[in-house]
C-alpha cells in the first residue's frame, strides 16, 4: 500500500483531503468506537455530492456493504466500498448533529457539531455551504425496530477500518463526531480521533 497522505482528526474536529479517481481512502479510529461523519463532493462542482437518500434508493439497502457503490444526488457512482474489517454497522439514515440537536438534548452552552465542521471545511476551500447534505455515518450503530430508530454504542474495535475507492475526483470532508451526550461514540461518550489514509490500490 503506497500511502500518499495521512490526515489525523482529533475527536470533535474535522479534516479533509482531495481524492483522485482510482485512489482509495481508509478510515479508522485508532482509539476505538468513534463515528466518522463522511461527505464526498465532486471536486469540480460541489453542487454534486454524496447523497444518502439516492444511495439508499439505488442500492435498496439501509446499510451498504463491500462491493456497493455510493451515489450522488445525480445518481452518479462516487465511491465503491472495497474493504470493511469492522462489523459493518454504518448509517445512511441520521442527519449530522447540529446546534439545534444539542439544544434538544439539554445543552445550553456552545457545543461543536458535525454541521459546523462541514461548514468550516467548506469555507477553508473557498466554498459556501449552501446545503448540508446528510452524511454517510461510518461506524455508527443505528437500529430500526418496530418503527423506532435508536442510536446504540458502536461495536467497532481498534484497528478495524473501512476502505472506499473514488470513481471520480472528489473532495472528502470528515468530522470526528463531537457527540458526548448520546451513545453515538460509545458508553464513555468521549469523542476520539479518526485517521484518514489516501493511497493507490
Protein backbone atom coordinates (compact mmCIF):
# COMPACT_ATOMS: atom_id res chain seq x y z
CA UNK A 1 0.00 0.00 0.00
CA UNK A 2 1.53 3.28 -1.17
CA UNK A 3 0.20 5.86 1.34
CA UNK A 4 0.19 9.31 -0.24
CA UNK A 5 -1.40 11.26 2.61
CA UNK A 6 -2.45 10.77 6.21
CA UNK A 7 -4.89 13.09 7.98
CA UNK A 8 -5.38 12.79 11.75
CA UNK A 9 -8.61 14.32 13.04
CA UNK A 10 -8.91 14.98 16.76
CA UNK A 11 -12.17 13.99 18.43
CA UNK A 12 -14.86 16.59 17.79
CA UNK A 13 -12.99 18.25 14.91
CA UNK A 14 -12.75 17.82 11.14
CA UNK A 15 -10.34 17.13 8.32
CA UNK A 16 -10.45 16.96 4.55
CA UNK A 17 -8.49 15.81 1.54
CA UNK A 18 -8.68 15.54 -2.24
CA UNK A 19 -9.26 12.02 -3.56
CA UNK A 20 -8.40 11.45 -7.20
CA UNK A 21 -10.17 8.95 -9.45
CA UNK A 22 -8.98 5.42 -8.64
CA UNK A 23 -7.43 6.35 -5.29
CA UNK A 24 -8.61 4.70 -2.09
CA UNK A 25 -9.37 6.21 1.30
CA UNK A 26 -9.10 4.20 4.52
CA UNK A 27 -10.99 5.41 7.60
CA UNK A 28 -10.29 4.10 11.09
CA UNK A 29 -10.50 5.11 14.73
CA UNK A 30 -7.28 4.04 16.49
CA UNK A 31 -8.75 4.58 19.97
CA UNK A 32 -11.89 2.52 19.46
CA UNK A 33 -15.55 3.38 18.98
CA UNK A 34 -15.95 6.71 17.19
CA UNK A 35 -18.31 7.76 14.42
CA UNK A 36 -16.94 9.49 11.32
CA UNK A 37 -19.45 11.74 9.54
CA UNK A 38 -18.31 11.45 5.92
CA UNK A 39 -19.09 13.73 2.98
CA UNK A 40 -17.89 13.49 -0.62
CA UNK A 41 -18.34 16.30 -3.15
CA UNK A 42 -17.46 16.49 -6.82
CA UNK A 43 -14.07 18.21 -6.86
CA UNK A 44 -15.12 20.38 -9.81
CA UNK A 45 -18.77 21.04 -8.93
CA UNK A 46 -19.75 20.98 -5.25
CA UNK A 47 -23.46 21.05 -6.16
CA UNK A 48 -22.90 17.33 -6.83
CA UNK A 49 -22.40 15.43 -3.59
CA UNK A 50 -22.78 12.03 -1.96
CA UNK A 51 -26.48 11.60 -1.27
CA UNK A 52 -27.58 9.10 1.37
CA UNK A 53 -31.17 9.07 0.10
CA UNK A 54 -30.14 8.40 -3.50
CA UNK A 55 -27.72 5.72 -2.29
CA UNK A 56 -30.44 4.00 -0.24
CA UNK A 57 -32.94 4.01 -3.08
CA UNK A 58 -30.41 2.90 -5.69
CA UNK A 59 -28.99 0.08 -3.58
CA UNK A 60 -32.37 -0.74 -1.97
CA UNK A 61 -30.42 -1.15 1.28
CA UNK A 62 -30.20 0.64 4.60
CA UNK A 63 -26.53 -0.28 5.07
CA UNK A 64 -24.04 -0.55 2.18
CA UNK A 65 -21.53 -3.39 2.16
CA UNK A 66 -18.32 -4.33 0.34
CA UNK A 67 -18.81 -4.06 -3.42
CA UNK A 68 -21.58 -1.49 -3.14
CA UNK A 69 -21.29 1.96 -4.67
CA UNK A 70 -22.28 5.23 -3.03
CA UNK A 71 -24.21 7.61 -5.28
CA UNK A 72 -24.51 11.35 -5.78
CA UNK A 73 -27.65 13.47 -5.84
CA UNK A 74 -27.47 12.93 -9.63
CA UNK A 75 -27.28 9.13 -9.11
CA UNK A 76 -23.70 9.03 -10.33
CA UNK A 77 -21.42 6.50 -8.64
CA UNK A 78 -18.94 8.42 -6.49
CA UNK A 79 -17.26 5.73 -4.37
CA UNK A 80 -17.09 1.95 -4.13
CA UNK A 81 -16.66 0.18 -0.81
CA UNK A 82 -13.67 -2.11 -1.36
CA UNK A 83 -12.91 -3.39 2.15
CA UNK A 84 -14.51 -3.37 5.59
CA UNK A 85 -12.93 -5.13 8.56
CA UNK A 86 -15.46 -3.68 11.02
CA UNK A 87 -18.76 -5.41 11.87
CA UNK A 88 -20.27 -3.35 9.04
CA UNK A 89 -22.54 -1.11 11.08
CA UNK A 90 -22.67 2.13 9.12
CA UNK A 91 -25.58 4.53 8.80
CA UNK A 92 -27.36 6.21 5.89
CA UNK A 93 -30.33 7.48 7.92
CA UNK A 94 -29.22 10.00 10.54
CA UNK A 95 -28.51 13.66 9.84
CA UNK A 96 -25.39 15.43 11.08
CA UNK A 97 -25.55 16.73 14.64
CA UNK A 98 -26.08 20.50 14.78
CA UNK A 99 -26.58 23.21 17.43
CA UNK A 100 -30.33 22.57 17.50
CA UNK A 101 -29.72 18.88 18.18
CA UNK A 102 -27.66 19.72 21.25
CA UNK A 103 -30.30 22.20 22.45
CA UNK A 104 -32.93 19.44 22.22
CA UNK A 105 -30.62 17.24 24.31
CA UNK A 106 -30.47 19.91 27.00
CA UNK A 107 -27.15 21.51 26.15
CA UNK A 108 -27.34 25.24 26.99
CA UNK A 109 -23.78 26.24 26.06
CA UNK A 110 -21.87 26.29 22.76
CA UNK A 111 -21.11 22.78 21.52
CA UNK A 112 -19.14 21.76 18.46
CA UNK A 113 -21.17 19.88 15.84
CA UNK A 114 -20.67 17.93 12.64
CA UNK A 115 -22.79 20.51 10.79
CA UNK A 116 -20.45 23.29 11.86
CA UNK A 117 -17.40 21.16 11.00
CA UNK A 118 -18.75 20.66 7.48
CA UNK A 119 -19.27 24.40 7.02
CA UNK A 120 -15.79 25.20 8.33
CA UNK A 121 -14.24 22.68 5.95
CA UNK A 122 -16.14 24.14 3.01
CA UNK A 123 -15.06 27.66 3.96
CA UNK A 124 -11.43 26.54 4.09
CA UNK A 125 -11.59 25.54 0.42
CA UNK A 126 -13.32 28.78 -0.56
CA UNK A 127 -16.79 27.29 -0.98
CA UNK A 128 -20.01 28.33 0.70
CA UNK A 129 -22.11 25.56 2.21
CA UNK A 130 -25.48 26.45 0.67
CA UNK A 131 -26.76 23.00 1.57
CA UNK A 132 -25.86 20.50 4.30
CA UNK A 133 -26.06 17.00 2.81
CA UNK A 134 -26.79 14.15 5.18
CA UNK A 135 -23.51 12.37 5.91
CA UNK A 136 -22.55 8.74 5.49
CA UNK A 137 -22.08 7.92 9.19
CA UNK A 138 -19.21 5.44 9.25
CA UNK A 139 -19.11 3.10 12.28
CA UNK A 140 -22.45 4.44 13.56
CA UNK A 141 -24.66 1.73 15.04
CA UNK A 142 -28.31 2.57 14.38
CA UNK A 143 -31.08 0.04 14.91
CA UNK A 144 -34.54 0.14 13.38
CA UNK A 145 -37.13 -1.86 15.32
CA UNK A 146 -40.92 -1.52 15.34
CA UNK A 147 -40.73 1.81 13.53
CA UNK A 148 -38.30 3.18 16.16
CA UNK A 149 -34.80 4.41 15.28
CA UNK A 150 -32.27 4.05 18.11
CA UNK A 151 -28.62 5.06 18.33
CA UNK A 152 -26.59 2.36 20.03
CA UNK A 153 -22.94 2.12 21.01
CA UNK A 154 -20.65 1.25 18.08
CA UNK A 155 -19.43 -2.35 18.08
CA UNK A 156 -16.24 -1.24 16.38
CA UNK A 157 -12.86 -2.48 17.64
CA UNK A 158 -9.50 -0.73 17.48
CA UNK A 159 -7.63 -1.44 14.26
CA UNK A 160 -10.68 -2.07 12.11
CA UNK A 161 -11.29 0.10 9.06
CA UNK A 162 -13.43 0.91 6.04
CA UNK A 163 -11.93 1.49 2.59
CA UNK A 164 -13.54 3.17 -0.42
CA UNK A 165 -12.27 3.79 -3.95
CA UNK A 166 -13.05 7.05 -5.73
CA UNK A 167 -14.96 6.72 -9.02
CA UNK A 168 -14.26 10.39 -9.85
CA UNK A 169 -12.22 13.29 -8.46
CA UNK A 170 -13.66 14.10 -5.05
CA UNK A 171 -13.31 16.50 -2.14
CA UNK A 172 -13.66 14.50 1.07
CA UNK A 173 -14.74 16.05 4.38
CA UNK A 174 -14.83 14.01 7.60
CA UNK A 175 -15.99 15.03 11.06
CA UNK A 176 -14.92 13.02 14.12
CA UNK A 177 -18.38 13.41 15.64
CA UNK A 178 -18.29 15.54 18.82
CA UNK A 179 -21.37 13.88 20.34
CA UNK A 180 -20.81 13.36 24.08
CA UNK A 181 -24.41 13.07 25.28
CA UNK A 182 -25.93 10.16 23.34
CA UNK A 183 -24.26 6.75 22.82
CA UNK A 184 -23.07 7.68 19.33
CA UNK A 185 -19.38 7.32 20.25
CA UNK A 186 -19.72 4.54 22.81
CA UNK A 187 -20.60 4.21 26.50
CA UNK A 188 -17.74 6.52 27.54
CA UNK A 189 -19.38 9.28 25.44
CA UNK A 190 -15.93 10.59 24.59
CA UNK A 191 -15.07 11.86 21.08
CA UNK A 192 -11.93 10.19 19.74
CA UNK A 193 -9.50 10.53 16.83
CA UNK A 194 -10.27 9.50 13.28
CA UNK A 195 -7.42 8.73 10.87
CA UNK A 196 -7.73 9.05 7.08
CA UNK A 197 -5.22 7.47 4.72
CA UNK A 198 -5.14 8.14 0.96
CA UNK A 199 -3.38 5.61 -1.26
CA UNK A 200 -3.30 3.80 -4.56
CA UNK A 201 -4.55 0.23 -4.57
